């Protein structure tokens, strides 16, 4: 989705005409129309005002939507790490429990005596 498409969508969702938006930003209705048709881009200060007006970030307004493939790849790699780190943590946890149980039973003390 382009800047213009996002702007038009946000404006319409707010129930605002191009004239009303233009008045709020102190620009002409034609300027708003050119922005929505992606013929021109507003000045930086106007982009900030638009973000504040519609409750979105400037990043959302300015970045074209990226294909969904990249976030899915990241999601899969994060899931892979999480699953494997979780498994490792469970193994280490059980090892600590076993060590503690053996220590409570005195088996480790016997092993230490025999070792030295």
N, C-alpha and C. Protein backbone atom coordinates (compact mmCIF):
# COMPACT_ATOMS: atom_id res chain seq x y z
N UNK A 1 0.85 -1.17 0.00
CA UNK A 1 0.00 0.00 0.00
C UNK A 1 0.90 1.24 0.00
N UNK A 2 0.61 2.16 -0.86
CA UNK A 2 1.44 3.37 -1.00
C UNK A 2 1.03 4.42 0.03
N UNK A 3 1.83 5.46 0.12
CA UNK A 3 1.53 6.56 1.02
C UNK A 3 0.15 7.13 0.71
N UNK A 4 -0.10 7.37 -0.57
CA UNK A 4 -1.39 7.95 -0.98
C UNK A 4 -2.58 7.08 -0.63
N UNK A 5 -2.44 5.78 -0.84
CA UNK A 5 -3.52 4.85 -0.51
C UNK A 5 -3.78 4.83 0.99
N UNK A 6 -2.70 4.85 1.77
CA UNK A 6 -2.85 4.87 3.23
C UNK A 6 -3.52 6.17 3.68
N UNK A 7 -3.07 7.29 3.11
CA UNK A 7 -3.64 8.58 3.48
C UNK A 7 -5.13 8.63 3.16
N UNK A 8 -5.48 8.18 1.97
CA UNK A 8 -6.90 8.19 1.58
C UNK A 8 -7.73 7.30 2.51
N UNK A 9 -7.20 6.14 2.82
CA UNK A 9 -7.90 5.22 3.71
C UNK A 9 -8.08 5.81 5.10
N UNK A 10 -7.02 6.38 5.65
CA UNK A 10 -7.10 6.99 6.98
C UNK A 10 -8.08 8.15 7.00
N UNK A 11 -8.03 8.97 5.96
CA UNK A 11 -8.93 10.12 5.87
C UNK A 11 -10.38 9.68 5.81
N UNK A 12 -10.65 8.68 4.98
CA UNK A 12 -12.02 8.19 4.84
C UNK A 12 -12.52 7.53 6.12
N UNK A 13 -11.66 6.76 6.78
CA UNK A 13 -12.05 6.13 8.05
C UNK A 13 -12.39 7.18 9.10
N UNK A 14 -11.70 8.32 9.04
CA UNK A 14 -11.96 9.40 9.98
C UNK A 14 -13.20 10.21 9.57
N UNK A 15 -13.78 9.84 8.42
CA UNK A 15 -14.96 10.56 7.94
C UNK A 15 -14.66 12.00 7.54
N UNK A 16 -13.49 12.19 6.98
CA UNK A 16 -13.02 13.54 6.67
C UNK A 16 -12.93 13.72 5.16
N UNK A 17 -13.35 14.85 4.67
CA UNK A 17 -13.20 15.16 3.24
C UNK A 17 -11.80 15.70 2.99
N UNK A 18 -11.42 15.76 1.72
CA UNK A 18 -10.13 16.35 1.37
C UNK A 18 -10.09 17.81 1.78
N UNK A 19 -11.21 18.50 1.65
CA UNK A 19 -11.27 19.92 2.03
C UNK A 19 -10.99 20.11 3.52
N UNK A 20 -11.63 19.28 4.34
CA UNK A 20 -11.45 19.40 5.79
C UNK A 20 -10.00 19.10 6.17
N UNK A 21 -9.45 18.03 5.59
CA UNK A 21 -8.05 17.68 5.88
C UNK A 21 -7.12 18.80 5.44
N UNK A 22 -7.36 19.34 4.26
CA UNK A 22 -6.53 20.43 3.75
C UNK A 22 -6.57 21.63 4.70
N UNK A 23 -7.74 21.93 5.21
CA UNK A 23 -7.88 23.05 6.14
C UNK A 23 -7.10 22.81 7.43
N UNK A 24 -7.17 21.59 7.94
CA UNK A 24 -6.44 21.25 9.17
C UNK A 24 -4.93 21.36 9.00
N UNK A 25 -4.46 21.07 7.78
CA UNK A 25 -3.02 21.09 7.51
C UNK A 25 -2.55 22.41 6.91
N UNK A 26 -3.49 23.30 6.65
CA UNK A 26 -3.19 24.60 6.05
C UNK A 26 -2.54 24.43 4.66
N UNK A 27 -3.16 23.55 3.87
CA UNK A 27 -2.74 23.36 2.47
C UNK A 27 -4.00 23.39 1.61
N UNK A 28 -3.83 23.32 0.31
CA UNK A 28 -4.99 23.31 -0.58
C UNK A 28 -5.56 21.90 -0.71
N UNK A 29 -6.82 21.83 -1.12
CA UNK A 29 -7.44 20.53 -1.35
C UNK A 29 -6.71 19.80 -2.47
N UNK A 30 -6.21 20.56 -3.45
CA UNK A 30 -5.48 19.96 -4.57
C UNK A 30 -4.19 19.29 -4.08
N UNK A 31 -3.57 19.86 -3.07
CA UNK A 31 -2.35 19.26 -2.52
C UNK A 31 -2.68 17.90 -1.91
N UNK A 32 -3.77 17.84 -1.15
CA UNK A 32 -4.19 16.56 -0.56
C UNK A 32 -4.51 15.56 -1.66
N UNK A 33 -5.18 16.02 -2.70
CA UNK A 33 -5.52 15.15 -3.82
C UNK A 33 -4.27 14.60 -4.49
N UNK A 34 -3.26 15.45 -4.69
CA UNK A 34 -2.00 14.99 -5.32
C UNK A 34 -1.28 13.99 -4.42
N UNK A 35 -1.33 14.19 -3.10
CA UNK A 35 -0.71 13.22 -2.18
C UNK A 35 -1.40 11.88 -2.29
N UNK A 36 -2.73 11.90 -2.32
CA UNK A 36 -3.48 10.65 -2.39
C UNK A 36 -3.29 9.92 -3.72
N UNK A 37 -2.98 10.65 -4.77
CA UNK A 37 -2.71 10.02 -6.08
C UNK A 37 -1.23 9.70 -6.26
N UNK A 38 -0.43 9.92 -5.20
CA UNK A 38 1.02 9.66 -5.23
C UNK A 38 1.75 10.47 -6.29
N UNK A 39 1.22 11.64 -6.61
CA UNK A 39 1.89 12.51 -7.56
C UNK A 39 2.98 13.32 -6.86
N UNK A 40 2.72 13.69 -5.61
CA UNK A 40 3.70 14.42 -4.81
C UNK A 40 3.66 13.88 -3.38
N UNK A 41 4.65 14.27 -2.60
CA UNK A 41 4.70 13.89 -1.19
C UNK A 41 4.64 15.16 -0.35
N UNK A 42 4.02 15.09 0.80
CA UNK A 42 3.98 16.27 1.66
C UNK A 42 5.33 16.53 2.31
N UNK A 43 5.49 17.74 2.81
CA UNK A 43 6.70 18.08 3.54
C UNK A 43 6.74 17.26 4.83
N UNK A 44 7.93 17.13 5.37
CA UNK A 44 8.13 16.33 6.58
C UNK A 44 7.21 16.77 7.71
N UNK A 45 7.10 18.08 7.91
CA UNK A 45 6.25 18.58 9.00
C UNK A 45 4.79 18.18 8.80
N UNK A 46 4.35 18.10 7.54
CA UNK A 46 2.97 17.69 7.26
C UNK A 46 2.78 16.20 7.52
N UNK A 47 3.80 15.41 7.23
CA UNK A 47 3.74 13.97 7.51
C UNK A 47 3.59 13.75 9.02
N UNK A 48 4.31 14.52 9.80
CA UNK A 48 4.23 14.41 11.26
C UNK A 48 2.83 14.82 11.73
N UNK A 49 2.30 15.91 11.19
CA UNK A 49 0.95 16.35 11.54
C UNK A 49 -0.08 15.29 11.17
N UNK A 50 0.08 14.67 10.01
CA UNK A 50 -0.85 13.60 9.59
C UNK A 50 -0.79 12.42 10.55
N UNK A 51 0.41 12.05 10.95
CA UNK A 51 0.57 10.92 11.88
C UNK A 51 -0.14 11.23 13.19
N UNK A 52 0.05 12.44 13.70
CA UNK A 52 -0.62 12.83 14.95
C UNK A 52 -2.14 12.87 14.78
N UNK A 53 -2.57 13.39 13.67
CA UNK A 53 -4.00 13.55 13.41
C UNK A 53 -4.71 12.20 13.33
N UNK A 54 -4.09 11.22 12.68
CA UNK A 54 -4.73 9.92 12.48
C UNK A 54 -4.29 8.85 13.49
N UNK A 55 -3.35 9.20 14.37
CA UNK A 55 -2.93 8.26 15.40
C UNK A 55 -2.12 7.09 14.85
N UNK A 56 -1.27 7.37 13.88
CA UNK A 56 -0.38 6.35 13.31
C UNK A 56 1.05 6.88 13.39
N UNK A 57 2.00 6.03 13.08
CA UNK A 57 3.39 6.47 13.08
C UNK A 57 3.78 6.99 11.70
N UNK A 58 4.80 7.80 11.67
CA UNK A 58 5.31 8.26 10.38
C UNK A 58 5.90 7.07 9.62
N UNK A 59 6.44 6.13 10.35
CA UNK A 59 6.99 4.92 9.73
C UNK A 59 5.90 4.17 8.97
N UNK A 60 4.74 4.02 9.60
CA UNK A 60 3.61 3.35 8.93
C UNK A 60 3.24 4.10 7.66
N UNK A 61 3.18 5.43 7.75
CA UNK A 61 2.77 6.21 6.59
C UNK A 61 3.76 6.12 5.44
N UNK A 62 5.04 6.17 5.75
CA UNK A 62 6.05 6.31 4.70
C UNK A 62 6.54 5.00 4.11
N UNK A 63 6.52 3.95 4.89
CA UNK A 63 7.05 2.67 4.38
C UNK A 63 5.99 1.95 3.56
N UNK A 64 6.35 1.53 2.36
CA UNK A 64 5.40 0.69 1.62
C UNK A 64 5.30 -0.66 2.33
N UNK A 65 4.16 -1.27 2.25
CA UNK A 65 4.01 -2.57 2.91
C UNK A 65 4.93 -3.57 2.25
N UNK A 66 5.68 -4.27 3.07
CA UNK A 66 6.64 -5.26 2.60
C UNK A 66 5.91 -6.58 2.42
N UNK A 67 6.38 -7.37 1.47
CA UNK A 67 5.80 -8.69 1.30
C UNK A 67 5.87 -9.46 2.60
N UNK A 68 4.97 -10.35 2.82
CA UNK A 68 4.83 -11.06 4.08
C UNK A 68 5.91 -12.14 4.26
N UNK A 69 6.70 -12.42 3.23
CA UNK A 69 7.68 -13.50 3.31
C UNK A 69 8.75 -13.26 4.37
N UNK A 70 9.33 -12.08 4.43
CA UNK A 70 10.44 -11.82 5.35
C UNK A 70 10.04 -12.01 6.81
N UNK A 71 8.93 -11.41 7.27
CA UNK A 71 8.55 -11.64 8.67
C UNK A 71 8.27 -13.10 8.98
N UNK A 72 7.75 -13.86 8.02
CA UNK A 72 7.48 -15.27 8.25
C UNK A 72 8.79 -16.01 8.48
N UNK A 73 9.81 -15.69 7.69
CA UNK A 73 11.12 -16.33 7.87
C UNK A 73 11.67 -16.03 9.26
N UNK A 74 11.58 -14.79 9.68
CA UNK A 74 12.06 -14.43 11.01
C UNK A 74 11.27 -15.16 12.07
N UNK A 75 9.98 -15.25 11.86
CA UNK A 75 9.11 -15.92 12.83
C UNK A 75 9.52 -17.39 12.97
N UNK A 76 9.81 -18.04 11.84
CA UNK A 76 10.21 -19.44 11.88
C UNK A 76 11.53 -19.61 12.61
N UNK A 77 12.50 -18.73 12.33
CA UNK A 77 13.80 -18.86 12.99
C UNK A 77 13.66 -18.57 14.48
N UNK A 78 12.83 -17.61 14.85
CA UNK A 78 12.62 -17.34 16.28
C UNK A 78 11.97 -18.53 16.96
N UNK A 79 11.01 -19.15 16.29
CA UNK A 79 10.34 -20.31 16.86
C UNK A 79 11.33 -21.46 17.03
N UNK A 80 12.22 -21.66 16.04
CA UNK A 80 13.23 -22.70 16.10
C UNK A 80 14.13 -22.50 17.33
N UNK A 81 14.62 -21.27 17.50
CA UNK A 81 15.48 -20.97 18.64
C UNK A 81 14.73 -21.16 19.96
N UNK A 82 13.52 -20.67 20.01
CA UNK A 82 12.75 -20.78 21.25
C UNK A 82 12.51 -22.23 21.63
N UNK A 83 12.14 -23.04 20.66
CA UNK A 83 11.89 -24.46 20.95
C UNK A 83 13.15 -25.16 21.43
N UNK A 84 14.28 -24.91 20.77
CA UNK A 84 15.51 -25.60 21.14
C UNK A 84 16.08 -25.07 22.46
N UNK A 85 16.00 -23.77 22.66
CA UNK A 85 16.48 -23.24 23.94
C UNK A 85 15.58 -23.71 25.08
N UNK A 86 14.29 -23.84 24.81
CA UNK A 86 13.37 -24.35 25.82
C UNK A 86 13.69 -25.78 26.19
N UNK A 87 14.01 -26.59 25.19
CA UNK A 87 14.37 -27.99 25.44
C UNK A 87 15.66 -28.06 26.25
N UNK A 88 16.64 -27.28 25.89
CA UNK A 88 17.91 -27.25 26.63
C UNK A 88 17.68 -26.82 28.07
N UNK A 89 16.84 -25.81 28.26
CA UNK A 89 16.55 -25.34 29.62
C UNK A 89 15.87 -26.43 30.45
N UNK A 90 14.96 -27.18 29.82
CA UNK A 90 14.28 -28.28 30.54
C UNK A 90 15.28 -29.37 30.93
N UNK A 91 16.18 -29.71 30.03
CA UNK A 91 17.19 -30.74 30.32
C UNK A 91 18.08 -30.28 31.46
N UNK A 92 18.54 -29.04 31.39
CA UNK A 92 19.40 -28.52 32.47
C UNK A 92 18.63 -28.44 33.79
N UNK A 93 17.37 -28.11 33.71
CA UNK A 93 16.54 -28.07 34.92
C UNK A 93 16.42 -29.43 35.56
N UNK A 94 16.14 -30.42 34.75
CA UNK A 94 16.02 -31.79 35.29
C UNK A 94 17.36 -32.30 35.81
N UNK A 95 18.45 -31.92 35.15
CA UNK A 95 19.77 -32.31 35.63
C UNK A 95 20.04 -31.69 37.00
N UNK A 96 19.64 -30.45 37.18
CA UNK A 96 19.82 -29.80 38.49
C UNK A 96 18.97 -30.47 39.55
N UNK A 97 17.75 -30.86 39.19
CA UNK A 97 16.87 -31.55 40.14
C UNK A 97 17.50 -32.89 40.53
N UNK A 98 17.99 -33.63 39.54
CA UNK A 98 18.61 -34.93 39.81
C UNK A 98 19.84 -34.75 40.69
N UNK A 99 20.66 -33.76 40.40
CA UNK A 99 21.86 -33.49 41.20
C UNK A 99 21.47 -33.19 42.64
N UNK A 100 20.45 -32.36 42.81
CA UNK A 100 19.98 -32.03 44.14
C UNK A 100 19.44 -33.23 44.89
N UNK A 101 18.70 -34.10 44.20
CA UNK A 101 18.16 -35.30 44.83
C UNK A 101 19.28 -36.23 45.26
N UNK A 102 20.27 -36.42 44.39
CA UNK A 102 21.41 -37.28 44.74
C UNK A 102 22.18 -36.71 45.92
N UNK A 103 22.32 -35.40 45.96
CA UNK A 103 23.02 -34.75 47.07
C UNK A 103 22.25 -34.94 48.37
N UNK A 104 20.93 -34.83 48.31
CA UNK A 104 20.11 -35.04 49.51
C UNK A 104 20.21 -36.46 50.02
N UNK A 105 20.30 -37.39 49.11
CA UNK A 105 20.40 -38.79 49.50
C UNK A 105 21.80 -39.16 50.00
N UNK A 106 22.76 -38.29 49.81
CA UNK A 106 24.10 -38.55 50.29
C UNK A 106 24.94 -39.34 49.31
N UNK A 107 24.40 -39.65 48.17
CA UNK A 107 25.13 -40.45 47.19
C UNK A 107 26.35 -39.69 46.68
N UNK A 108 26.20 -38.38 46.51
CA UNK A 108 27.33 -37.60 46.02
C UNK A 108 28.47 -37.56 47.04
N UNK A 109 28.14 -37.50 48.32
CA UNK A 109 29.18 -37.52 49.36
C UNK A 109 29.96 -38.84 49.33
N UNK A 110 29.23 -39.94 49.13
CA UNK A 110 29.89 -41.25 49.04
C UNK A 110 30.81 -41.28 47.82
N UNK A 111 30.34 -40.75 46.71
CA UNK A 111 31.14 -40.72 45.50
C UNK A 111 32.38 -39.85 45.69
N UNK A 112 32.25 -38.75 46.40
CA UNK A 112 33.40 -37.86 46.64
C UNK A 112 34.44 -38.57 47.50
N UNK A 113 33.99 -39.29 48.50
CA UNK A 113 34.89 -40.01 49.39
C UNK A 113 35.63 -41.09 48.60
N UNK A 114 34.90 -41.80 47.76
CA UNK A 114 35.53 -42.85 46.96
C UNK A 114 36.46 -42.30 45.92
N UNK A 115 36.15 -41.12 45.41
CA UNK A 115 36.95 -40.53 44.35
C UNK A 115 38.30 -40.09 44.89
N UNK A 116 38.33 -39.53 46.09
CA UNK A 116 39.59 -39.01 46.65
C UNK A 116 40.23 -40.10 47.39
